[in-house]
PDB file of N, CA and C in Angstrom:
ATOM      1  N   UNK A   1      90.429  89.591  59.231  1.00  0.00           N
ATOM      2  CA  UNK A   1      91.197  90.767  59.535  1.00  0.00           C
ATOM      3  C   UNK A   1      91.361  90.943  61.049  1.00  0.00           C
ATOM      4  N   UNK A   2      90.359  90.634  61.827  1.00  0.00           N
ATOM      5  CA  UNK A   2      90.421  90.765  63.266  1.00  0.00           C
ATOM      6  C   UNK A   2      91.502  89.887  63.873  1.00  0.00           C
ATOM      7  N   UNK A   3      91.707  88.705  63.296  1.00  0.00           N
ATOM      8  CA  UNK A   3      92.713  87.775  63.808  1.00  0.00           C
ATOM      9  C   UNK A   3      94.120  88.345  63.623  1.00  0.00           C
ATOM     10  N   UNK A   4      94.379  89.006  62.494  1.00  0.00           N
ATOM     11  CA  UNK A   4      95.684  89.615  62.255  1.00  0.00           C
ATOM     12  C   UNK A   4      95.970  90.703  63.286  1.00  0.00           C
ATOM     13  N   UNK A   5      94.969  91.490  63.598  1.00  0.00           N
ATOM     14  CA  UNK A   5      95.135  92.562  64.575  1.00  0.00           C
ATOM     15  C   UNK A   5      95.449  91.975  65.947  1.00  0.00           C
ATOM     16  N   UNK A   6      94.762  90.907  66.326  1.00  0.00           N
ATOM     17  CA  UNK A   6      95.022  90.268  67.608  1.00  0.00           C
ATOM     18  C   UNK A   6      96.442  89.702  67.682  1.00  0.00           C
ATOM     19  N   UNK A   7      96.927  89.134  66.580  1.00  0.00           N
ATOM     20  CA  UNK A   7      98.290  88.605  66.559  1.00  0.00           C
ATOM     21  C   UNK A   7      99.307  89.730  66.726  1.00  0.00           C
ATOM     22  N   UNK A   8      99.067  90.867  66.054  1.00  0.00           N
ATOM     23  CA  UNK A   8      99.976  92.008  66.182  1.00  0.00           C
ATOM     24  C   UNK A   8      99.992  92.526  67.612  1.00  0.00           C
ATOM     25  N   UNK A   9      98.812  92.587  68.243  1.00  0.00           N
ATOM     26  CA  UNK A   9      98.736  93.043  69.628  1.00  0.00           C
ATOM     27  C   UNK A   9      99.491  92.092  70.556  1.00  0.00           C
ATOM     28  N   UNK A  10      99.374  90.802  70.310  1.00  0.00           N
ATOM     29  CA  UNK A  10     100.055  89.822  71.146  1.00  0.00           C
ATOM     30  C   UNK A  10     101.567  89.965  70.997  1.00  0.00           C
ATOM     31  N   UNK A  11     102.047  90.211  69.777  1.00  0.00           N
ATOM     32  CA  UNK A  11     103.477  90.392  69.566  1.00  0.00           C
ATOM     33  C   UNK A  11     103.965  91.645  70.280  1.00  0.00           C
ATOM     34  N   UNK A  12     103.208  92.709  70.226  1.00  0.00           N
ATOM     35  CA  UNK A  12     103.605  93.959  70.877  1.00  0.00           C
ATOM     36  C   UNK A  12     103.601  93.802  72.395  1.00  0.00           C
ATOM     37  N   UNK A  13     102.656  93.051  72.925  1.00  0.00           N
ATOM     38  CA  UNK A  13     102.556  92.871  74.380  1.00  0.00           C
ATOM     39  C   UNK A  13     103.714  92.035  74.917  1.00  0.00           C
ATOM     40  N   UNK A  14     104.270  91.155  74.105  1.00  0.00           N
ATOM     41  CA  UNK A  14     105.347  90.282  74.545  1.00  0.00           C
ATOM     42  C   UNK A  14     106.670  90.679  73.891  1.00  0.00           C
ATOM     43  N   UNK A  15     106.859  91.955  73.734  1.00  0.00           N
ATOM     44  CA  UNK A  15     108.072  92.476  73.105  1.00  0.00           C
ATOM     45  C   UNK A  15     109.286  92.159  73.959  1.00  0.00           C
ATOM     46  N   UNK A  16     110.418  91.967  73.309  1.00  0.00           N
ATOM     47  CA  UNK A  16     111.665  91.674  74.009  1.00  0.00           C
ATOM     48  C   UNK A  16     112.498  92.939  74.225  1.00  0.00           C
ATOM     49  N   UNK A  17     111.909  94.091  73.970  1.00  0.00           N
ATOM     50  CA  UNK A  17     112.618  95.353  74.153  1.00  0.00           C
ATOM     51  C   UNK A  17     112.894  95.563  75.628  1.00  0.00           C
ATOM     52  N   UNK A  18     114.131  95.936  75.940  1.00  0.00           N
ATOM     53  CA  UNK A  18     114.500  96.203  77.330  1.00  0.00           C
ATOM     54  C   UNK A  18     114.287  97.689  77.600  1.00  0.00           C
ATOM     55  N   UNK A  19     113.345  97.992  78.452  1.00  0.00           N
ATOM     56  CA  UNK A  19     113.033  99.377  78.787  1.00  0.00           C
ATOM     57  C   UNK A  19     113.929  99.847  79.909  1.00  0.00           C
ATOM     58  N   UNK A  20     114.179 101.135  79.936  1.00  0.00           N
ATOM     59  CA  UNK A  20     115.004 101.719  80.987  1.00  0.00           C
ATOM     60  C   UNK A  20     114.254 101.667  82.311  1.00  0.00           C
ATOM     61  N   UNK A  21     114.899 101.172  83.342  1.00  0.00           N
ATOM     62  CA  UNK A  21     114.257 100.993  84.633  1.00  0.00           C
ATOM     63  C   UNK A  21     114.568 102.114  85.614  1.00  0.00           C
ATOM     64  N   UNK A  22     115.783 102.627  85.571  1.00  0.00           N
ATOM     65  CA  UNK A  22     116.203 103.652  86.523  1.00  0.00           C
ATOM     66  C   UNK A  22     115.648 105.014  86.125  1.00  0.00           C
ATOM     67  N   UNK A  23     115.146 105.788  87.083  1.00  0.00           N
ATOM     68  CA  UNK A  23     114.627 107.131  86.773  1.00  0.00           C
ATOM     69  C   UNK A  23     115.674 108.042  86.140  1.00  0.00           C
ATOM     70  N   UNK A  24     116.924 107.928  86.569  1.00  0.00           N
ATOM     71  CA  UNK A  24     117.981 108.766  85.996  1.00  0.00           C
ATOM     72  C   UNK A  24     118.199 108.429  84.523  1.00  0.00           C
ATOM     73  N   UNK A  25     118.144 107.140  84.180  1.00  0.00           N
ATOM     74  CA  UNK A  25     118.290 106.723  82.784  1.00  0.00           C
ATOM     75  C   UNK A  25     117.111 107.203  81.949  1.00  0.00           C
ATOM     76  N   UNK A  26     115.914 107.106  82.515  1.00  0.00           N
ATOM     77  CA  UNK A  26     114.724 107.579  81.799  1.00  0.00           C
ATOM     78  C   UNK A  26     114.811 109.077  81.551  1.00  0.00           C
ATOM     79  N   UNK A  27     115.306 109.814  82.539  1.00  0.00           N
ATOM     80  CA  UNK A  27     115.456 111.256  82.406  1.00  0.00           C
ATOM     81  C   UNK A  27     116.447 111.594  81.290  1.00  0.00           C
ATOM     82  N   UNK A  28     117.597 110.906  81.275  1.00  0.00           N
ATOM     83  CA  UNK A  28     118.615 111.151  80.251  1.00  0.00           C
ATOM     84  C   UNK A  28     118.084 110.797  78.865  1.00  0.00           C
ATOM     85  N   UNK A  29     117.387 109.681  78.762  1.00  0.00           N
ATOM     86  CA  UNK A  29     116.829 109.278  77.468  1.00  0.00           C
ATOM     87  C   UNK A  29     115.817 110.308  76.987  1.00  0.00           C
ATOM     88  N   UNK A  30     115.005 110.827  77.890  1.00  0.00           N
ATOM     89  CA  UNK A  30     114.028 111.846  77.527  1.00  0.00           C
ATOM     90  C   UNK A  30     114.731 113.106  77.018  1.00  0.00           C
ATOM     91  N   UNK A  31     115.810 113.505  77.682  1.00  0.00           N
ATOM     92  CA  UNK A  31     116.569 114.678  77.246  1.00  0.00           C
ATOM     93  C   UNK A  31     117.158 114.458  75.853  1.00  0.00           C
ATOM     94  N   UNK A  32     117.681 113.262  75.612  1.00  0.00           N
ATOM     95  CA  UNK A  32     118.268 112.943  74.305  1.00  0.00           C
ATOM     96  C   UNK A  32     117.202 112.993  73.219  1.00  0.00           C
ATOM     97  N   UNK A  33     116.020 112.412  73.474  1.00  0.00           N
ATOM     98  CA  UNK A  33     114.933 112.442  72.495  1.00  0.00           C
ATOM     99  C   UNK A  33     114.528 113.874  72.172  1.00  0.00           C
ATOM    100  N   UNK A  34     114.443 114.711  73.207  1.00  0.00           N
ATOM    101  CA  UNK A  34     114.057 116.109  72.983  1.00  0.00           C
ATOM    102  C   UNK A  34     115.103 116.848  72.159  1.00  0.00           C
ATOM    103  N   UNK A  35     116.380 116.586  72.437  1.00  0.00           N
ATOM    104  CA  UNK A  35     117.436 117.220  71.649  1.00  0.00           C
ATOM    105  C   UNK A  35     117.385 116.771  70.187  1.00  0.00           C
ATOM    106  N   UNK A  36     117.115 115.501  69.962  1.00  0.00           N
ATOM    107  CA  UNK A  36     117.023 114.998  68.590  1.00  0.00           C
ATOM    108  C   UNK A  36     115.828 115.611  67.858  1.00  0.00           C
ATOM    109  N   UNK A  37     114.709 115.768  68.557  1.00  0.00           N
ATOM    110  CA  UNK A  37     113.548 116.419  67.936  1.00  0.00           C
ATOM    111  C   UNK A  37     113.867 117.867  67.593  1.00  0.00           C
ATOM    112  N   UNK A  38     114.559 118.547  68.513  1.00  0.00           N
ATOM    113  CA  UNK A  38     114.941 119.938  68.250  1.00  0.00           C
ATOM    114  C   UNK A  38     115.880 120.033  67.049  1.00  0.00           C
ATOM    115  N   UNK A  39     116.753 119.060  66.890  1.00  0.00           N
ATOM    116  CA  UNK A  39     117.661 119.054  65.738  1.00  0.00           C
ATOM    117  C   UNK A  39     116.874 118.939  64.436  1.00  0.00           C
ATOM    118  N   UNK A  40     115.821 118.138  64.444  1.00  0.00           N
ATOM    119  CA  UNK A  40     114.997 117.996  63.239  1.00  0.00           C
ATOM    120  C   UNK A  40     114.221 119.268  62.918  1.00  0.00           C
ATOM    121  N   UNK A  41     113.914 120.048  63.942  1.00  0.00           N
ATOM    122  CA  UNK A  41     113.130 121.269  63.750  1.00  0.00           C
ATOM    123  C   UNK A  41     114.001 122.523  63.640  1.00  0.00           C
ATOM    124  N   UNK A  42     115.295 122.364  63.669  1.00  0.00           N
ATOM    125  CA  UNK A  42     116.207 123.508  63.659  1.00  0.00           C
ATOM    126  C   UNK A  42     116.064 124.319  62.374  1.00  0.00           C
ATOM    127  N   UNK A  43     116.338 125.611  62.502  1.00  0.00           N
ATOM    128  CA  UNK A  43     116.175 126.502  61.355  1.00  0.00           C
ATOM    129  C   UNK A  43     117.346 126.436  60.378  1.00  0.00           C
ATOM    130  N   UNK A  44     118.522 126.065  60.861  1.00  0.00           N
ATOM    131  CA  UNK A  44     119.671 125.921  59.957  1.00  0.00           C
ATOM    132  C   UNK A  44     120.563 124.768  60.408  1.00  0.00           C
ATOM    133  N   UNK A  45     121.545 124.455  59.587  1.00  0.00           N
ATOM    134  CA  UNK A  45     122.389 123.280  59.840  1.00  0.00           C
ATOM    135  C   UNK A  45     123.219 123.438  61.105  1.00  0.00           C
ATOM    136  N   UNK A  46     123.646 124.661  61.408  1.00  0.00           N
ATOM    137  CA  UNK A  46     124.496 124.877  62.581  1.00  0.00           C
ATOM    138  C   UNK A  46     123.723 124.697  63.875  1.00  0.00           C
ATOM    139  N   UNK A  47     122.503 125.142  63.881  1.00  0.00           N
ATOM    140  CA  UNK A  47     121.657 124.938  65.055  1.00  0.00           C
ATOM    141  C   UNK A  47     121.386 123.446  65.251  1.00  0.00           C
ATOM    142  N   UNK A  48     121.097 122.751  64.160  1.00  0.00           N
ATOM    143  CA  UNK A  48     120.864 121.307  64.227  1.00  0.00           C
ATOM    144  C   UNK A  48     122.110 120.589  64.735  1.00  0.00           C
ATOM    145  N   UNK A  49     123.282 121.046  64.284  1.00  0.00           N
ATOM    146  CA  UNK A  49     124.539 120.435  64.712  1.00  0.00           C
ATOM    147  C   UNK A  49     124.741 120.598  66.218  1.00  0.00           C
ATOM    148  N   UNK A  50     124.377 121.746  66.762  1.00  0.00           N
ATOM    149  CA  UNK A  50     124.507 121.960  68.201  1.00  0.00           C
ATOM    150  C   UNK A  50     123.645 120.968  68.989  1.00  0.00           C
ATOM    151  N   UNK A  51     122.404 120.793  68.541  1.00  0.00           N
ATOM    152  CA  UNK A  51     121.518 119.842  69.219  1.00  0.00           C
ATOM    153  C   UNK A  51     122.058 118.413  69.114  1.00  0.00           C
ATOM    154  N   UNK A  52     122.550 118.054  67.939  1.00  0.00           N
ATOM    155  CA  UNK A  52     123.072 116.705  67.752  1.00  0.00           C
ATOM    156  C   UNK A  52     124.312 116.450  68.604  1.00  0.00           C
ATOM    157  N   UNK A  53     125.178 117.437  68.701  1.00  0.00           N
ATOM    158  CA  UNK A  53     126.379 117.277  69.516  1.00  0.00           C
ATOM    159  C   UNK A  53     126.021 117.170  71.002  1.00  0.00           C
ATOM    160  N   UNK A  54     125.010 117.915  71.440  1.00  0.00           N
ATOM    161  CA  UNK A  54     124.567 117.815  72.831  1.00  0.00           C
ATOM    162  C   UNK A  54     123.983 116.429  73.107  1.00  0.00           C
ATOM    163  N   UNK A  55     123.179 115.926  72.182  1.00  0.00           N
ATOM    164  CA  UNK A  55     122.594 114.590  72.336  1.00  0.00           C
ATOM    165  C   UNK A  55     123.695 113.533  72.353  1.00  0.00           C
ATOM    166  N   UNK A  56     124.689 113.702  71.499  1.00  0.00           N
ATOM    167  CA  UNK A  56     125.805 112.758  71.455  1.00  0.00           C
ATOM    168  C   UNK A  56     126.551 112.727  72.780  1.00  0.00           C
ATOM    169  N   UNK A  57     126.789 113.903  73.357  1.00  0.00           N
ATOM    170  CA  UNK A  57     127.470 113.971  74.647  1.00  0.00           C
ATOM    171  C   UNK A  57     126.694 113.263  75.743  1.00  0.00           C
ATOM    172  N   UNK A  58     125.381 113.486  75.794  1.00  0.00           N
ATOM    173  CA  UNK A  58     124.557 112.811  76.800  1.00  0.00           C
ATOM    174  C   UNK A  58     124.548 111.302  76.594  1.00  0.00           C
ATOM    175  N   UNK A  59     124.460 110.890  75.328  1.00  0.00           N
ATOM    176  CA  UNK A  59     124.441 109.465  75.028  1.00  0.00           C
ATOM    177  C   UNK A  59     125.753 108.804  75.449  1.00  0.00           C
ATOM    178  N   UNK A  60     126.869 109.460  75.159  1.00  0.00           N
ATOM    179  CA  UNK A  60     128.161 108.901  75.559  1.00  0.00           C
ATOM    180  C   UNK A  60     128.274 108.801  77.078  1.00  0.00           C
ATOM    181  N   UNK A  61     127.765 109.810  77.769  1.00  0.00           N
ATOM    182  CA  UNK A  61     127.798 109.788  79.237  1.00  0.00           C
ATOM    183  C   UNK A  61     126.954 108.625  79.778  1.00  0.00           C
ATOM    184  N   UNK A  62     125.774 108.416  79.190  1.00  0.00           N
ATOM    185  CA  UNK A  62     124.924 107.287  79.602  1.00  0.00           C
ATOM    186  C   UNK A  62     125.642 105.968  79.368  1.00  0.00           C
ATOM    187  N   UNK A  63     126.287 105.855  78.204  1.00  0.00           N
ATOM    188  CA  UNK A  63     126.983 104.633  77.838  1.00  0.00           C
ATOM    189  C   UNK A  63     128.146 104.366  78.797  1.00  0.00           C
ATOM    190  N   UNK A  64     128.876 105.431  79.145  1.00  0.00           N
ATOM    191  CA  UNK A  64     130.003 105.313  80.054  1.00  0.00           C
ATOM    192  C   UNK A  64     129.545 104.865  81.444  1.00  0.00           C
ATOM    193  N   UNK A  65     128.445 105.429  81.920  1.00  0.00           N
ATOM    194  CA  UNK A  65     127.919 105.066  83.231  1.00  0.00           C
ATOM    195  C   UNK A  65     127.428 103.619  83.258  1.00  0.00           C
ATOM    196  N   UNK A  66     126.826 103.174  82.156  1.00  0.00           N
ATOM    197  CA  UNK A  66     126.304 101.800  82.132  1.00  0.00           C
ATOM    198  C   UNK A  66     127.437 100.777  82.119  1.00  0.00           C
ATOM    199  N   UNK A  67     128.557 101.127  81.536  1.00  0.00           N
ATOM    200  CA  UNK A  67     129.705 100.203  81.537  1.00  0.00           C
ATOM    201  C   UNK A  67     130.320 100.097  82.920  1.00  0.00           C
ATOM    202  N   UNK A  68     130.356 101.222  83.640  1.00  0.00           N
ATOM    203  CA  UNK A  68     130.966 101.246  84.960  1.00  0.00           C
ATOM    204  C   UNK A  68     130.128 100.563  86.022  1.00  0.00           C
ATOM    205  N   UNK A  69     128.811 100.488  85.796  1.00  0.00           N
ATOM    206  CA  UNK A  69     127.915  99.910  86.814  1.00  0.00           C
ATOM    207  C   UNK A  69     127.892  98.416  86.774  1.00  0.00           C
TER     208      UNK A  69
END
């Protein structure tokens, strides 16, 4: 069992996930995550929709900026 755990740790340590490097991108991603969490905790569908639309707007802005750079 210990060997399986070590293999999983090695895979996680050498992940190919590209992390956000720029502080502005990290800030935007953090805002989007918070909006998505708020949407999940919303009291009704309309409140959740507002959070989702705000997250969508931020995501589109991030995407637009990354294409231009």
